[in-house]
Amino acid sequence: MFDIGFAELVLIGVVALLVIGPERLPEAVRTASAWLNRIRRSFNEIKQEVQQELHNDAVMRDLRQTGEQLKNQANSIGHELRESTTAPKEQAPDNAGAPGAPQAPAEKTAE
């Protein structure tokens, strides 16, 4: 995080010992470490929330894309169905009255 080496830490410790004094230094270190832990914990919580939101955004984006694909497929299927039902069906030629055309057998009625 910060580029602090061992020499810098020793210098900070010596200055803290001279400024705060040996009696209050342990309490000051405990207080500083508690604040540092709170800051770290808060940072990690914020980081997890951001990651969760990014994950949720990605999932929602995938769901929207899938929904659009399904909608497009449904529209194309509906369009194909409309075309197939409205397209004129091929009708058999009506040759019943034409000379030389084969006659369909007449249905027998029970008398």
Protein backbone atom coordinates (compact mmCIF):
# COMPACT_ATOMS: atom_id res chain seq x y z
CA MET A 1 0.00 0.00 0.00
CA PHE A 2 2.51 2.60 1.16
CA ASP A 3 6.13 2.06 0.33
CA ILE A 4 7.42 2.21 3.91
CA GLY A 5 10.54 0.25 4.77
CA PHE A 6 11.88 -0.97 8.07
CA ALA A 7 14.10 2.09 8.56
CA GLU A 8 11.11 4.43 8.23
CA LEU A 9 9.12 2.38 10.75
CA VAL A 10 11.99 2.53 13.27
CA LEU A 11 12.22 6.29 12.80
CA ILE A 12 8.46 6.70 13.36
CA GLY A 13 8.72 4.54 16.49
CA VAL A 14 11.57 6.58 17.94
CA VAL A 15 9.77 9.87 17.27
CA ALA A 16 6.54 8.49 18.78
CA LEU A 17 8.48 7.33 21.85
CA LEU A 18 10.01 10.78 22.32
CA VAL A 19 6.76 12.71 21.67
CA ILE A 20 4.22 10.50 23.45
CA GLY A 21 6.46 9.08 26.12
CA PRO A 22 7.01 5.51 27.32
CA GLU A 23 3.98 5.52 29.65
CA ARG A 24 1.34 6.33 27.03
CA LEU A 25 3.01 4.67 24.00
CA PRO A 26 1.40 1.18 24.43
CA GLU A 27 -2.07 2.73 24.68
CA ALA A 28 -1.40 4.93 21.64
CA VAL A 29 -0.22 1.90 19.62
CA ARG A 30 -3.37 -0.02 20.60
CA THR A 31 -5.58 2.91 19.63
CA ALA A 32 -3.75 3.37 16.33
CA SER A 33 -4.00 -0.34 15.51
CA ALA A 34 -7.72 -0.35 16.38
CA TRP A 35 -8.33 2.59 14.02
CA LEU A 36 -6.23 0.92 11.34
CA ASN A 37 -8.25 -2.32 11.70
CA ARG A 38 -11.52 -0.37 11.44
CA ILE A 39 -10.29 1.36 8.31
CA ARG A 40 -9.19 -1.95 6.78
CA ARG A 41 -12.49 -3.61 7.68
CA SER A 42 -14.47 -0.73 6.19
CA PHE A 43 -12.35 -0.79 3.05
CA ASN A 44 -12.85 -4.56 2.66
CA GLU A 45 -16.63 -4.20 3.15
CA ILE A 46 -16.81 -1.46 0.53
CA LYS A 47 -14.68 -3.55 -1.81
CA GLN A 48 -16.99 -6.56 -1.37
CA GLU A 49 -20.09 -4.42 -1.97
CA VAL A 50 -18.60 -2.98 -5.15
CA GLN A 51 -17.65 -6.44 -6.36
CA GLN A 52 -21.17 -7.71 -5.58
CA GLU A 53 -22.73 -4.79 -7.46
CA LEU A 54 -20.46 -5.40 -10.44
CA HIS A 55 -21.42 -9.07 -10.36
CA ASN A 56 -25.11 -8.15 -10.12
CA ASP A 57 -24.73 -5.72 -13.02
CA ALA A 58 -23.09 -8.43 -15.11
CA VAL A 59 -25.87 -10.90 -14.25
CA MET A 60 -28.55 -8.31 -15.08
CA ARG A 61 -26.82 -7.51 -18.38
CA ASP A 62 -26.74 -11.24 -19.23
CA LEU A 63 -30.42 -11.56 -18.30
CA ARG A 64 -31.34 -8.59 -20.50
CA GLN A 65 -29.38 -10.04 -23.42
CA THR A 66 -31.04 -13.43 -22.95
CA GLY A 67 -34.46 -11.75 -22.71
CA GLU A 68 -33.81 -9.83 -25.94
CA GLN A 69 -32.69 -13.02 -27.67
CA LEU A 70 -35.80 -14.85 -26.50
CA LYS A 71 -37.99 -11.96 -27.60
CA ASN A 72 -36.34 -11.89 -31.03
CA GLN A 73 -36.74 -15.65 -31.39
CA ALA A 74 -40.39 -15.47 -30.35
CA ASN A 75 -41.01 -12.65 -32.83
CA SER A 76 -39.35 -14.58 -35.65
CA ILE A 77 -41.33 -17.73 -34.83
CA GLY A 78 -44.55 -15.70 -34.70
CA HIS A 79 -43.68 -14.07 -38.02
CA GLU A 80 -43.00 -17.48 -39.59
CA LEU A 81 -46.30 -18.81 -38.24
CA ARG A 82 -48.20 -15.83 -39.64
CA GLU A 83 -46.54 -16.29 -43.01
CA SER A 84 -47.35 -19.99 -43.10
CA THR A 85 -51.01 -19.45 -42.17
CA THR A 86 -51.58 -16.52 -44.53
CA ALA A 87 -49.70 -17.99 -47.49
CA PRO A 88 -52.10 -19.32 -50.16
CA LYS A 89 -52.24 -23.07 -50.10
CA GLU A 90 -51.73 -24.89 -53.34
CA GLN A 91 -55.08 -26.20 -54.47
CA ALA A 92 -55.51 -29.26 -56.61
CA PRO A 93 -56.59 -28.34 -60.13
CA ASP A 94 -60.33 -28.63 -60.61
CA ASN A 95 -60.51 -30.93 -63.66
CA ALA A 96 -63.88 -32.47 -62.85
CA GLY A 97 -65.62 -30.80 -65.75
CA ALA A 98 -62.80 -31.12 -68.27
CA PRO A 99 -63.24 -33.73 -71.00
CA GLY A 100 -60.80 -36.64 -70.74
CA ALA A 101 -60.02 -35.93 -67.13
CA PRO A 102 -60.08 -38.89 -64.82
CA GLN A 103 -63.23 -39.02 -62.81
CA ALA A 104 -63.14 -39.51 -59.10
CA PRO A 105 -65.10 -42.54 -58.02
CA ALA A 106 -68.55 -41.63 -56.86
CA GLU A 107 -69.40 -42.41 -53.31
CA LYS A 108 -71.90 -45.18 -52.87
CA THR A 109 -74.93 -44.37 -50.85
CA ALA A 110 -76.77 -47.04 -48.97
CA GLU A 111 -80.26 -47.49 -50.31
